[in-house]
PDB file of all heavy atoms in Angstrom:
ATOM      1  N   GLN A   1      95.141 100.985 102.943  1.00  0.00           N
ATOM      2  CA  GLN A   1      94.177 102.081 103.034  1.00  0.00           C
ATOM      3  C   GLN A   1      93.369 102.245 101.754  1.00  0.00           C
ATOM      4  O   GLN A   1      92.202 102.665 101.793  1.00  0.00           O
ATOM      5  CB  GLN A   1      94.897 103.386 103.366  1.00  0.00           C
ATOM      6  CG  GLN A   1      95.339 103.494 104.812  1.00  0.00           C
ATOM      7  CD  GLN A   1      96.190 104.725 105.076  1.00  0.00           C
ATOM      8  OE1 GLN A   1      96.396 105.561 104.182  1.00  0.00           O
ATOM      9  NE2 GLN A   1      96.695 104.846 106.287  1.00  0.00           N
ATOM     10  N   SER A   2      93.973 101.910 100.621  1.00  0.00           N
ATOM     11  CA  SER A   2      93.284 102.106  99.343  1.00  0.00           C
ATOM     12  C   SER A   2      92.734 100.819  98.732  1.00  0.00           C
ATOM     13  O   SER A   2      91.999 100.864  97.744  1.00  0.00           O
ATOM     14  CB  SER A   2      94.235 102.765  98.342  1.00  0.00           C
ATOM     15  OG  SER A   2      95.366 101.945  98.098  1.00  0.00           O
ATOM     16  N   HIS A   3      93.063  99.677  99.331  1.00  0.00           N
ATOM     17  CA  HIS A   3      92.672  98.394  98.745  1.00  0.00           C
ATOM     18  C   HIS A   3      91.182  98.128  98.932  1.00  0.00           C
ATOM     19  O   HIS A   3      90.607  98.435  99.972  1.00  0.00           O
ATOM     20  CB  HIS A   3      93.488  97.264  99.376  1.00  0.00           C
ATOM     21  CG  HIS A   3      93.321  95.963  98.687  1.00  0.00           C
ATOM     22  ND1 HIS A   3      92.448  94.990  99.117  1.00  0.00           N
ATOM     23  CD2 HIS A   3      93.921  95.458  97.564  1.00  0.00           C
ATOM     24  CE1 HIS A   3      92.515  93.957  98.311  1.00  0.00           C
ATOM     25  NE2 HIS A   3      93.401  94.205  97.369  1.00  0.00           N
ATOM     26  N   LYS A   4      90.561  97.509  97.922  1.00  0.00           N
ATOM     27  CA  LYS A   4      89.105  97.302  97.947  1.00  0.00           C
ATOM     28  C   LYS A   4      88.671  95.848  97.794  1.00  0.00           C
ATOM     29  O   LYS A   4      87.551  95.505  98.136  1.00  0.00           O
ATOM     30  CB  LYS A   4      88.455  98.111  96.812  1.00  0.00           C
ATOM     31  CG  LYS A   4      88.746  99.605  96.844  1.00  0.00           C
ATOM     32  CD  LYS A   4      88.154 100.261  98.073  1.00  0.00           C
ATOM     33  CE  LYS A   4      88.385 101.774  98.047  1.00  0.00           C
ATOM     34  NZ  LYS A   4      87.894 102.419  99.285  1.00  0.00           N
ATOM     35  N   ALA A   5      89.520  94.995  97.271  1.00  0.00           N
ATOM     36  CA  ALA A   5      89.078  93.645  96.880  1.00  0.00           C
ATOM     37  C   ALA A   5      88.665  92.789  98.067  1.00  0.00           C
ATOM     38  O   ALA A   5      89.274  92.813  99.127  1.00  0.00           O
ATOM     39  CB  ALA A   5      90.182  92.937  96.099  1.00  0.00           C
ATOM     40  N   SER A   6      87.625  92.034  97.873  1.00  0.00           N
ATOM     41  CA  SER A   6      87.167  91.029  98.830  1.00  0.00           C
ATOM     42  C   SER A   6      86.354  90.000  98.057  1.00  0.00           C
ATOM     43  O   SER A   6      85.525  90.377  97.223  1.00  0.00           O
ATOM     44  CB  SER A   6      86.302  91.684  99.914  1.00  0.00           C
ATOM     45  OG  SER A   6      85.899  90.733 100.864  1.00  0.00           O
ATOM     46  N   PRO A   7      86.569  88.706  98.262  1.00  0.00           N
ATOM     47  CA  PRO A   7      87.499  88.116  99.224  1.00  0.00           C
ATOM     48  C   PRO A   7      88.955  88.258  98.782  1.00  0.00           C
ATOM     49  O   PRO A   7      89.238  88.556  97.618  1.00  0.00           O
ATOM     50  CB  PRO A   7      87.087  86.652  99.267  1.00  0.00           C
ATOM     51  CG  PRO A   7      86.502  86.405  97.910  1.00  0.00           C
ATOM     52  CD  PRO A   7      85.813  87.678  97.528  1.00  0.00           C
ATOM     53  N   LEU A   8      89.853  88.015  99.730  1.00  0.00           N
ATOM     54  CA  LEU A   8      91.281  88.134  99.502  1.00  0.00           C
ATOM     55  C   LEU A   8      91.872  86.734  99.380  1.00  0.00           C
ATOM     56  O   LEU A   8      91.793  85.936 100.306  1.00  0.00           O
ATOM     57  CB  LEU A   8      91.925  88.876 100.672  1.00  0.00           C
ATOM     58  CG  LEU A   8      93.298  89.500 100.495  1.00  0.00           C
ATOM     59  CD1 LEU A   8      93.279  90.530  99.374  1.00  0.00           C
ATOM     60  CD2 LEU A   8      93.749  90.146 101.797  1.00  0.00           C
ATOM     61  N   LYS A   9      92.459  86.430  98.232  1.00  0.00           N
ATOM     62  CA  LYS A   9      93.014  85.096  98.027  1.00  0.00           C
ATOM     63  C   LYS A   9      94.291  84.882  98.849  1.00  0.00           C
ATOM     64  O   LYS A   9      94.517  83.801  99.391  1.00  0.00           O
ATOM     65  CB  LYS A   9      93.297  84.854  96.544  1.00  0.00           C
ATOM     66  CG  LYS A   9      92.054  84.713  95.691  1.00  0.00           C
ATOM     67  CD  LYS A   9      92.410  84.335  94.275  1.00  0.00           C
ATOM     68  CE  LYS A   9      91.167  84.157  93.423  1.00  0.00           C
ATOM     69  NZ  LYS A   9      90.317  83.062  93.914  1.00  0.00           N
ATOM     70  N   GLU A  10      95.123  85.918  98.934  1.00  0.00           N
ATOM     71  CA  GLU A  10      96.403  85.770  99.628  1.00  0.00           C
ATOM     72  C   GLU A  10      96.782  87.064 100.339  1.00  0.00           C
ATOM     73  O   GLU A  10      96.607  88.163  99.813  1.00  0.00           O
ATOM     74  CB  GLU A  10      97.513  85.395  98.643  1.00  0.00           C
ATOM     75  CG  GLU A  10      98.891  85.258  99.285  1.00  0.00           C
ATOM     76  CD  GLU A  10      99.983  84.938  98.277  1.00  0.00           C
ATOM     77  OE1 GLU A  10      99.848  85.355  97.103  1.00  0.00           O
ATOM     78  OE2 GLU A  10     100.974  84.287  98.652  1.00  0.00           O
ATOM     79  N   PHE A  11      97.307  86.899 101.548  1.00  0.00           N
ATOM     80  CA  PHE A  11      97.884  88.024 102.280  1.00  0.00           C
ATOM     81  C   PHE A  11      99.177  87.519 102.893  1.00  0.00           C
ATOM     82  O   PHE A  11      99.176  86.669 103.770  1.00  0.00           O
ATOM     83  CB  PHE A  11      96.943  88.525 103.370  1.00  0.00           C
ATOM     84  CG  PHE A  11      97.429  89.792 104.036  1.00  0.00           C
ATOM     85  CD1 PHE A  11      97.142  91.024 103.491  1.00  0.00           C
ATOM     86  CD2 PHE A  11      98.178  89.732 105.211  1.00  0.00           C
ATOM     87  CE1 PHE A  11      97.587  92.193 104.095  1.00  0.00           C
ATOM     88  CE2 PHE A  11      98.635  90.886 105.814  1.00  0.00           C
ATOM     89  CZ  PHE A  11      98.340  92.128 105.257  1.00  0.00           C
ATOM     90  N   ARG A  12     100.303  88.057 102.407  1.00  0.00           N
ATOM     91  CA  ARG A  12     101.618  87.579 102.839  1.00  0.00           C
ATOM     92  C   ARG A  12     102.490  88.758 103.241  1.00  0.00           C
ATOM     93  O   ARG A  12     102.594  89.738 102.496  1.00  0.00           O
ATOM     94  CB  ARG A  12     102.297  86.797 101.714  1.00  0.00           C
ATOM     95  CG  ARG A  12     103.699  86.276 102.052  1.00  0.00           C
ATOM     96  CD  ARG A  12     104.226  85.419 100.902  1.00  0.00           C
ATOM     97  NE  ARG A  12     105.532  84.855 101.194  1.00  0.00           N
ATOM     98  CZ  ARG A  12     106.679  85.379 100.761  1.00  0.00           C
ATOM     99  NH1 ARG A  12     106.668  86.470  99.997  1.00  0.00           N
ATOM    100  NH2 ARG A  12     107.837  84.810 101.070  1.00  0.00           N
ATOM    101  N   VAL A  13     103.104  88.658 104.411  1.00  0.00           N
ATOM    102  CA  VAL A  13     104.030  89.679 104.892  1.00  0.00           C
ATOM    103  C   VAL A  13     105.337  88.993 105.250  1.00  0.00           C
ATOM    104  O   VAL A  13     105.360  88.075 106.078  1.00  0.00           O
ATOM    105  CB  VAL A  13     103.488  90.423 106.123  1.00  0.00           C
ATOM    106  CG1 VAL A  13     104.507  91.450 106.605  1.00  0.00           C
ATOM    107  CG2 VAL A  13     102.163  91.099 105.799  1.00  0.00           C
ATOM    108  N   ARG A  14     106.434  89.427 104.632  1.00  0.00           N
ATOM    109  CA  ARG A  14     107.746  88.872 104.938  1.00  0.00           C
ATOM    110  C   ARG A  14     108.711  90.025 105.214  1.00  0.00           C
ATOM    111  O   ARG A  14     109.099  90.770 104.304  1.00  0.00           O
ATOM    112  CB  ARG A  14     108.276  88.023 103.778  1.00  0.00           C
ATOM    113  CG  ARG A  14     109.681  87.454 104.039  1.00  0.00           C
ATOM    114  CD  ARG A  14     110.125  86.522 102.934  1.00  0.00           C
ATOM    115  NE  ARG A  14     111.484  86.053 103.180  1.00  0.00           N
ATOM    116  CZ  ARG A  14     112.570  86.552 102.572  1.00  0.00           C
ATOM    117  NH1 ARG A  14     112.448  87.518 101.680  1.00  0.00           N
ATOM    118  NH2 ARG A  14     113.765  86.075 102.844  1.00  0.00           N
ATOM    119  N   PHE A  15     109.044  90.191 106.492  1.00  0.00           N
ATOM    120  CA  PHE A  15     109.990  91.225 106.895  1.00  0.00           C
ATOM    121  C   PHE A  15     110.415  90.954 108.330  1.00  0.00           C
ATOM    122  O   PHE A  15     109.738  90.249 109.066  1.00  0.00           O
ATOM    123  CB  PHE A  15     109.352  92.623 106.786  1.00  0.00           C
ATOM    124  CG  PHE A  15     110.366  93.724 106.637  1.00  0.00           C
ATOM    125  CD1 PHE A  15     110.942  93.972 105.405  1.00  0.00           C
ATOM    126  CD2 PHE A  15     110.756  94.489 107.718  1.00  0.00           C
ATOM    127  CE1 PHE A  15     111.888  94.974 105.258  1.00  0.00           C
ATOM    128  CE2 PHE A  15     111.698  95.495 107.585  1.00  0.00           C
ATOM    129  CZ  PHE A  15     112.267  95.737 106.344  1.00  0.00           C
ATOM    130  N   ASP A  16     111.543  91.532 108.709  1.00  0.00           N
ATOM    131  CA  ASP A  16     112.068  91.359 110.063  1.00  0.00           C
ATOM    132  C   ASP A  16     111.373  92.352 110.998  1.00  0.00           C
ATOM    133  O   ASP A  16     111.869  93.443 111.254  1.00  0.00           O
ATOM    134  CB  ASP A  16     113.583  91.593 110.042  1.00  0.00           C
ATOM    135  CG  ASP A  16     114.226  91.346 111.412  1.00  0.00           C
ATOM    136  OD1 ASP A  16     113.489  90.971 112.345  1.00  0.00           O
ATOM    137  OD2 ASP A  16     115.448  91.523 111.536  1.00  0.00           O
ATOM    138  N   LEU A  17     110.188  91.966 111.482  1.00  0.00           N
ATOM    139  CA  LEU A  17     109.408  92.806 112.385  1.00  0.00           C
ATOM    140  C   LEU A  17     109.164  92.060 113.687  1.00  0.00           C
ATOM    141  O   LEU A  17     109.130  90.831 113.717  1.00  0.00           O
ATOM    142  CB  LEU A  17     108.057  93.184 111.764  1.00  0.00           C
ATOM    143  CG  LEU A  17     108.076  94.050 110.509  1.00  0.00           C
ATOM    144  CD1 LEU A  17     106.667  94.235 109.991  1.00  0.00           C
ATOM    145  CD2 LEU A  17     108.727  95.401 110.777  1.00  0.00           C
ATOM    146  N   GLY A  18     108.960  92.810 114.743  1.00  0.00           N
ATOM    147  CA  GLY A  18     108.715  92.178 116.038  1.00  0.00           C
ATOM    148  C   GLY A  18     107.622  92.873 116.811  1.00  0.00           C
ATOM    149  O   GLY A  18     106.796  93.603 116.259  1.00  0.00           O
ATOM    150  N   GLU A  19     107.652  92.677 118.127  1.00  0.00           N
ATOM    151  CA  GLU A  19     106.606  93.179 119.004  1.00  0.00           C
ATOM    152  C   GLU A  19     106.526  94.708 119.008  1.00  0.00           C
ATOM    153  O   GLU A  19     105.490  95.272 119.339  1.00  0.00           O
ATOM    154  CB  GLU A  19     106.849  92.649 120.425  1.00  0.00           C
ATOM    155  CG  GLU A  19     105.724  92.908 121.406  1.00  0.00           C
ATOM    156  CD  GLU A  19     104.457  92.116 121.124  1.00  0.00           C
ATOM    157  OE1 GLU A  19     104.421  91.352 120.131  1.00  0.00           O
ATOM    158  OE2 GLU A  19     103.504  92.259 121.904  1.00  0.00           O
ATOM    159  N   ASN A  20     107.601  95.387 118.605  1.00  0.00           N
ATOM    160  CA  ASN A  20     107.573  96.851 118.539  1.00  0.00           C
ATOM    161  C   ASN A  20     106.523  97.363 117.565  1.00  0.00           C
ATOM    162  O   ASN A  20     106.070  98.506 117.686  1.00  0.00           O
ATOM    163  CB  ASN A  20     108.947  97.404 118.136  1.00  0.00           C
ATOM    164  CG  ASN A  20     109.985  97.242 119.226  1.00  0.00           C
ATOM    165  OD1 ASN A  20     109.645  97.073 120.392  1.00  0.00           O
ATOM    166  ND2 ASN A  20     111.246  97.283 118.850  1.00  0.00           N
ATOM    167  N   PHE A  21     106.159  96.539 116.615  1.00  0.00           N
ATOM    168  CA  PHE A  21     105.183  96.936 115.607  1.00  0.00           C
ATOM    169  C   PHE A  21     103.878  96.149 115.757  1.00  0.00           C
ATOM    170  O   PHE A  21     103.155  95.942 114.787  1.00  0.00           O
ATOM    171  CB  PHE A  21     105.770  96.738 114.204  1.00  0.00           C
ATOM    172  CG  PHE A  21     106.966  97.601 113.929  1.00  0.00           C
ATOM    173  CD1 PHE A  21     108.251  97.111 114.140  1.00  0.00           C
ATOM    174  CD2 PHE A  21     106.819  98.904 113.498  1.00  0.00           C
ATOM    175  CE1 PHE A  21     109.365  97.908 113.905  1.00  0.00           C
ATOM    176  CE2 PHE A  21     107.926  99.708 113.257  1.00  0.00           C
ATOM    177  CZ  PHE A  21     109.202  99.212 113.465  1.00  0.00           C
ATOM    178  N   LYS A  22     103.588  95.726 116.983  1.00  0.00           N
ATOM    179  CA  LYS A  22     102.437  94.856 117.210  1.00  0.00           C
ATOM    180  C   LYS A  22     101.117  95.505 116.812  1.00  0.00           C
ATOM    181  O   LYS A  22     100.221  94.824 116.286  1.00  0.00           O
ATOM    182  CB  LYS A  22     102.385  94.397 118.670  1.00  0.00           C
ATOM    183  CG  LYS A  22     102.169  95.512 119.675  1.00  0.00           C
ATOM    184  CD  LYS A  22     102.121  94.958 121.094  1.00  0.00           C
ATOM    185  CE  LYS A  22     101.891  96.073 122.115  1.00  0.00           C
ATOM    186  NZ  LYS A  22     101.838  95.527 123.501  1.00  0.00           N
ATOM    187  N   ASN A  23     100.961  96.811 117.035  1.00  0.00           N
ATOM    188  CA  ASN A  23      99.695  97.468 116.708  1.00  0.00           C
ATOM    189  C   ASN A  23      99.438  97.439 115.203  1.00  0.00           C
ATOM    190  O   ASN A  23      98.324  97.147 114.752  1.00  0.00           O
ATOM    191  CB  ASN A  23      99.692  98.910 117.218  1.00  0.00           C
ATOM    192  CG  ASN A  23      99.653  98.992 118.731  1.00  0.00           C
ATOM    193  OD1 ASN A  23      99.161  98.084 119.400  1.00  0.00           O
ATOM    194  ND2 ASN A  23     100.174 100.072 119.280  1.00  0.00           N
ATOM    195  N   ALA A  24     100.481  97.728 114.429  1.00  0.00           N
ATOM    196  CA  ALA A  24     100.332  97.710 112.971  1.00  0.00           C
ATOM    197  C   ALA A  24     100.053  96.296 112.470  1.00  0.00           C
ATOM    198  O   ALA A  24      99.154  96.081 111.646  1.00  0.00           O
ATOM    199  CB  ALA A  24     101.595  98.263 112.313  1.00  0.00           C
ATOM    200  N   ILE A  25     100.802  95.319 112.981  1.00  0.00           N
ATOM    201  CA  ILE A  25     100.622  93.932 112.529  1.00  0.00           C
ATOM    202  C   ILE A  25      99.224  93.426 112.869  1.00  0.00           C
ATOM    203  O   ILE A  25      98.574  92.754 112.056  1.00  0.00           O
ATOM    204  CB  ILE A  25     101.697  93.023 113.165  1.00  0.00           C
ATOM    205  CG1 ILE A  25     103.093  93.445 112.687  1.00  0.00           C
ATOM    206  CG2 ILE A  25     101.444  91.562 112.800  1.00  0.00           C
ATOM    207  CD1 ILE A  25     104.233  92.770 113.440  1.00  0.00           C
ATOM    208  N   THR A  26      98.752  93.741 114.057  1.00  0.00           N
ATOM    209  CA  THR A  26      97.414  93.304 114.458  1.00  0.00           C
ATOM    210  C   THR A  26      96.345  93.910 113.550  1.00  0.00           C
ATOM    211  O   THR A  26      95.379  93.236 113.175  1.00  0.00           O
ATOM    212  CB  THR A  26      97.140  93.689 115.922  1.00  0.00           C
ATOM    213  OG1 THR A  26      98.100  93.035 116.758  1.00  0.00           O
ATOM    214  CG2 THR A  26      95.742  93.260 116.349  1.00  0.00           C
ATOM    215  N   LYS A  27      96.523  95.159 113.162  1.00  0.00           N
ATOM    216  CA  LYS A  27      95.576  95.789 112.227  1.00  0.00           C
ATOM    217  C   LYS A  27      95.630  95.105 110.865  1.00  0.00           C
ATOM    218  O   LYS A  27      94.605  94.973 110.188  1.00  0.00           O
ATOM    219  CB  LYS A  27      95.877  97.276 112.100  1.00  0.00           C
ATOM    220  CG  LYS A  27      95.500  98.076 113.342  1.00  0.00           C
ATOM    221  CD  LYS A  27      95.803  99.562 113.159  1.00  0.00           C
ATOM    222  CE  LYS A  27      95.415 100.338 114.412  1.00  0.00           C
ATOM    223  NZ  LYS A  27      95.728 101.790 114.277  1.00  0.00           N
ATOM    224  N   TRP A  28      96.830  94.666 110.455  1.00  0.00           N
ATOM    225  CA  TRP A  28      96.934  93.939 109.187  1.00  0.00           C
ATOM    226  C   TRP A  28      96.148  92.635 109.254  1.00  0.00           C
ATOM    227  O   TRP A  28      95.463  92.255 108.292  1.00  0.00           O
ATOM    228  CB  TRP A  28      98.392  93.643 108.857  1.00  0.00           C
ATOM    229  CG  TRP A  28      99.250  94.857 108.720  1.00  0.00           C
ATOM    230  CD1 TRP A  28      98.841  96.162 108.577  1.00  0.00           C
ATOM    231  CD2 TRP A  28     100.689  94.894 108.709  1.00  0.00           C
ATOM    232  NE1 TRP A  28      99.925  96.997 108.491  1.00  0.00           N
ATOM    233  CE2 TRP A  28     101.072  96.257 108.565  1.00  0.00           C
ATOM    234  CE3 TRP A  28     101.675  93.923 108.814  1.00  0.00           C
ATOM    235  CZ2 TRP A  28     102.415  96.650 108.518  1.00  0.00           C
ATOM    236  CZ3 TRP A  28     103.006  94.306 108.767  1.00  0.00           C
ATOM    237  CH2 TRP A  28     103.371  95.661 108.617  1.00  0.00           C
ATOM    238  N   LEU A  29      96.242  91.952 110.382  1.00  0.00           N
ATOM    239  CA  LEU A  29      95.484  90.711 110.554  1.00  0.00           C
ATOM    240  C   LEU A  29      93.987  90.983 110.505  1.00  0.00           C
ATOM    241  O   LEU A  29      93.222  90.230 109.887  1.00  0.00           O
ATOM    242  CB  LEU A  29      95.859  90.043 111.877  1.00  0.00           C
ATOM    243  CG  LEU A  29      97.214  89.331 111.921  1.00  0.00           C
ATOM    244  CD1 LEU A  29      97.531  88.898 113.340  1.00  0.00           C
ATOM    245  CD2 LEU A  29      97.221  88.124 110.992  1.00  0.00           C
ATOM    246  N   GLU A  30      93.547  92.030 111.177  1.00  0.00           N
ATOM    247  CA  GLU A  30      92.134  92.389 111.151  1.00  0.00           C
ATOM    248  C   GLU A  30      91.672  92.652 109.724  1.00  0.00           C
ATOM    249  O   GLU A  30      90.575  92.232 109.318  1.00  0.00           O
ATOM    250  CB  GLU A  30      91.893  93.625 112.023  1.00  0.00           C
ATOM    251  CG  GLU A  30      92.064  93.365 113.513  1.00  0.00           C
ATOM    252  CD  GLU A  30      91.996  94.631 114.344  1.00  0.00           C
ATOM    253  OE1 GLU A  30      92.078  95.740 113.744  1.00  0.00           O
ATOM    254  OE2 GLU A  30      91.872  94.528 115.575  1.00  0.00           O
ATOM    255  N   PHE A  31      92.510  93.340 108.958  1.00  0.00           N
ATOM    256  CA  PHE A  31      92.204  93.610 107.548  1.00  0.00           C
ATOM    257  C   PHE A  31      92.039  92.309 106.776  1.00  0.00           C
ATOM    258  O   PHE A  31      91.060  92.118 106.036  1.00  0.00           O
ATOM    259  CB  PHE A  31      93.328  94.453 106.940  1.00  0.00           C
ATOM    260  CG  PHE A  31      93.221  94.644 105.455  1.00  0.00           C
ATOM    261  CD1 PHE A  31      92.553  95.740 104.933  1.00  0.00           C
ATOM    262  CD2 PHE A  31      93.805  93.741 104.574  1.00  0.00           C
ATOM    263  CE1 PHE A  31      92.453  95.924 103.563  1.00  0.00           C
ATOM    264  CE2 PHE A  31      93.706  93.915 103.208  1.00  0.00           C
ATOM    265  CZ  PHE A  31      93.034  95.015 102.697  1.00  0.00           C
ATOM    266  N   ALA A  32      93.011  91.398 106.933  1.00  0.00           N
ATOM    267  CA  ALA A  32      92.993  90.147 106.177  1.00  0.00           C
ATOM    268  C   ALA A  32      91.779  89.292 106.534  1.00  0.00           C
ATOM    269  O   ALA A  32      91.099  88.752 105.654  1.00  0.00           O
ATOM    270  CB  ALA A  32      94.277  89.365 106.426  1.00  0.00           C
ATOM    271  N   PHE A  33      91.494  89.165 107.818  1.00  0.00           N
ATOM    272  CA  PHE A  33      90.356  88.348 108.234  1.00  0.00           C
ATOM    273  C   PHE A  33      89.033  88.974 107.809  1.00  0.00           C
ATOM    274  O   PHE A  33      88.078  88.259 107.467  1.00  0.00           O
ATOM    275  CB  PHE A  33      90.385  88.136 109.742  1.00  0.00           C
ATOM    276  CG  PHE A  33      91.506  87.231 110.204  1.00  0.00           C
ATOM    277  CD1 PHE A  33      92.299  87.584 111.282  1.00  0.00           C
ATOM    278  CD2 PHE A  33      91.765  86.038 109.563  1.00  0.00           C
ATOM    279  CE1 PHE A  33      93.330  86.760 111.716  1.00  0.00           C
ATOM    280  CE2 PHE A  33      92.798  85.200 109.977  1.00  0.00           C
ATOM    281  CZ  PHE A  33      93.585  85.566 111.055  1.00  0.00           C
ATOM    282  N   ALA A  34      88.955  90.299 107.815  1.00  0.00           N
ATOM    283  CA  ALA A  34      87.739  90.977 107.384  1.00  0.00           C
ATOM    284  C   ALA A  34      87.477  90.773 105.895  1.00  0.00           C
ATOM    285  O   ALA A  34      86.329  90.836 105.443  1.00  0.00           O
ATOM    286  CB  ALA A  34      87.823  92.473 107.693  1.00  0.00           C
ATOM    287  N   ARG A  35      88.551  90.501 105.141  1.00  0.00           N
ATOM    288  CA  ARG A  35      88.422  90.272 103.697  1.00  0.00           C
ATOM    289  C   ARG A  35      88.337  88.781 103.368  1.00  0.00           C
ATOM    290  O   ARG A  35      88.542  88.392 102.225  1.00  0.00           O
ATOM    291  CB  ARG A  35      89.620  90.893 102.958  1.00  0.00           C
ATOM    292  CG  ARG A  35      89.786  92.400 103.169  1.00  0.00           C
ATOM    293  CD  ARG A  35      88.613  93.196 102.642  1.00  0.00           C
ATOM    294  NE  ARG A  35      88.749  94.611 102.935  1.00  0.00           N
ATOM    295  CZ  ARG A  35      89.314  95.501 102.128  1.00  0.00           C
ATOM    296  NH1 ARG A  35      89.821  95.107 100.980  1.00  0.00           N
ATOM    297  NH2 ARG A  35      89.361  96.776 102.458  1.00  0.00           N
ATOM    298  N   ASN A  36      88.042  87.956 104.348  1.00  0.00           N
ATOM    299  CA  ASN A  36      87.864  86.516 104.119  1.00  0.00           C
ATOM    300  C   ASN A  36      89.088  85.886 103.446  1.00  0.00           C
ATOM    301  O   ASN A  36      88.969  85.168 102.447  1.00  0.00           O
ATOM    302  CB  ASN A  36      86.621  86.251 103.268  1.00  0.00           C
ATOM    303  CG  ASN A  36      85.357  86.778 103.911  1.00  0.00           C
ATOM    304  OD1 ASN A  36      85.063  86.472 105.065  1.00  0.00           O
ATOM    305  ND2 ASN A  36      84.616  87.593 103.186  1.00  0.00           N
ATOM    306  N   VAL A  37      90.254  86.162 104.001  1.00  0.00           N
ATOM    307  CA  VAL A  37      91.499  85.701 103.401  1.00  0.00           C
ATOM    308  C   VAL A  37      91.539  84.176 103.311  1.00  0.00           C
ATOM    309  O   VAL A  37      91.080  83.476 104.207  1.00  0.00           O
ATOM    310  CB  VAL A  37      92.703  86.241 104.207  1.00  0.00           C
ATOM    311  CG1 VAL A  37      92.731  85.682 105.620  1.00  0.00           C
ATOM    312  CG2 VAL A  37      94.011  85.954 103.487  1.00  0.00           C
ATOM    313  N   GLU A  38      92.106  83.671 102.202  1.00  0.00           N
ATOM    314  CA  GLU A  38      92.220  82.222 101.989  1.00  0.00           C
ATOM    315  C   GLU A  38      93.614  81.705 102.342  1.00  0.00           C
ATOM    316  O   GLU A  38      93.741  80.614 102.894  1.00  0.00           O
ATOM    317  CB  GLU A  38      91.892  81.885 100.530  1.00  0.00           C
ATOM    318  CG  GLU A  38      90.446  82.178 100.153  1.00  0.00           C
ATOM    319  CD  GLU A  38      90.149  81.810  98.716  1.00  0.00           C
ATOM    320  OE1 GLU A  38      91.020  81.189  98.056  1.00  0.00           O
ATOM    321  OE2 GLU A  38      89.053  82.146  98.239  1.00  0.00           O
ATOM    322  N   ARG A  39      94.657  82.472 101.991  1.00  0.00           N
ATOM    323  CA  ARG A  39      96.036  82.081 102.303  1.00  0.00           C
ATOM    324  C   ARG A  39      96.702  83.210 103.081  1.00  0.00           C
ATOM    325  O   ARG A  39      96.830  84.319 102.574  1.00  0.00           O
ATOM    326  CB  ARG A  39      96.821  81.784 101.013  1.00  0.00           C
ATOM    327  CG  ARG A  39      96.229  80.670 100.181  1.00  0.00           C
ATOM    328  CD  ARG A  39      97.158  80.261  99.039  1.00  0.00           C
ATOM    329  NE  ARG A  39      97.453  81.347  98.129  1.00  0.00           N
ATOM    330  CZ  ARG A  39      96.703  81.685  97.076  1.00  0.00           C
ATOM    331  NH1 ARG A  39      95.590  81.003  96.826  1.00  0.00           N
ATOM    332  NH2 ARG A  39      97.049  82.691  96.298  1.00  0.00           N
ATOM    333  N   LEU A  40      97.136  82.903 104.288  1.00  0.00           N
ATOM    334  CA  LEU A  40      97.733  83.909 105.159  1.00  0.00           C
ATOM    335  C   LEU A  40      99.125  83.463 105.587  1.00  0.00           C
ATOM    336  O   LEU A  40      99.306  82.344 106.078  1.00  0.00           O
ATOM    337  CB  LEU A  40      96.862  84.115 106.400  1.00  0.00           C
ATOM    338  CG  LEU A  40      97.428  85.039 107.497  1.00  0.00           C
ATOM    339  CD1 LEU A  40      97.587  86.467 106.985  1.00  0.00           C
ATOM    340  CD2 LEU A  40      96.528  85.007 108.728  1.00  0.00           C
ATOM    341  N   GLU A  41     100.112  84.327 105.386  1.00  0.00           N
ATOM    342  CA  GLU A  41     101.471  84.030 105.825  1.00  0.00           C
ATOM    343  C   GLU A  41     102.076  85.249 106.504  1.00  0.00           C
ATOM    344  O   GLU A  41     102.103  86.344 105.946  1.00  0.00           O
ATOM    345  CB  GLU A  41     102.369  83.619 104.655  1.00  0.00           C
ATOM    346  CG  GLU A  41     103.806  83.350 105.097  1.00  0.00           C
ATOM    347  CD  GLU A  41     104.722  82.860 103.990  1.00  0.00           C
ATOM    348  OE1 GLU A  41     104.203  82.507 102.905  1.00  0.00           O
ATOM    349  OE2 GLU A  41     105.948  82.825 104.203  1.00  0.00           O
ATOM    350  N   LEU A  42     102.568  85.046 107.722  1.00  0.00           N
ATOM    351  CA  LEU A  42     103.354  86.042 108.434  1.00  0.00           C
ATOM    352  C   LEU A  42     104.742  85.455 108.635  1.00  0.00           C
ATOM    353  O   LEU A  42     104.897  84.430 109.292  1.00  0.00           O
ATOM    354  CB  LEU A  42     102.731  86.367 109.799  1.00  0.00           C
ATOM    355  CG  LEU A  42     101.321  86.963 109.818  1.00  0.00           C
ATOM    356  CD1 LEU A  42     100.892  87.222 111.257  1.00  0.00           C
ATOM    357  CD2 LEU A  42     101.234  88.245 108.996  1.00  0.00           C
TER     358      LEU A  42
END
């Protein structure tokens, strides 16, 4: 919510999450792609 940088060199999420949190995860992906992410790891 407070992050401003673009482009984004790296966006990495490592946690035991599943389909129950699909809405949040999808929004994270939208954020990363909107910031022209270079390295993406889920």
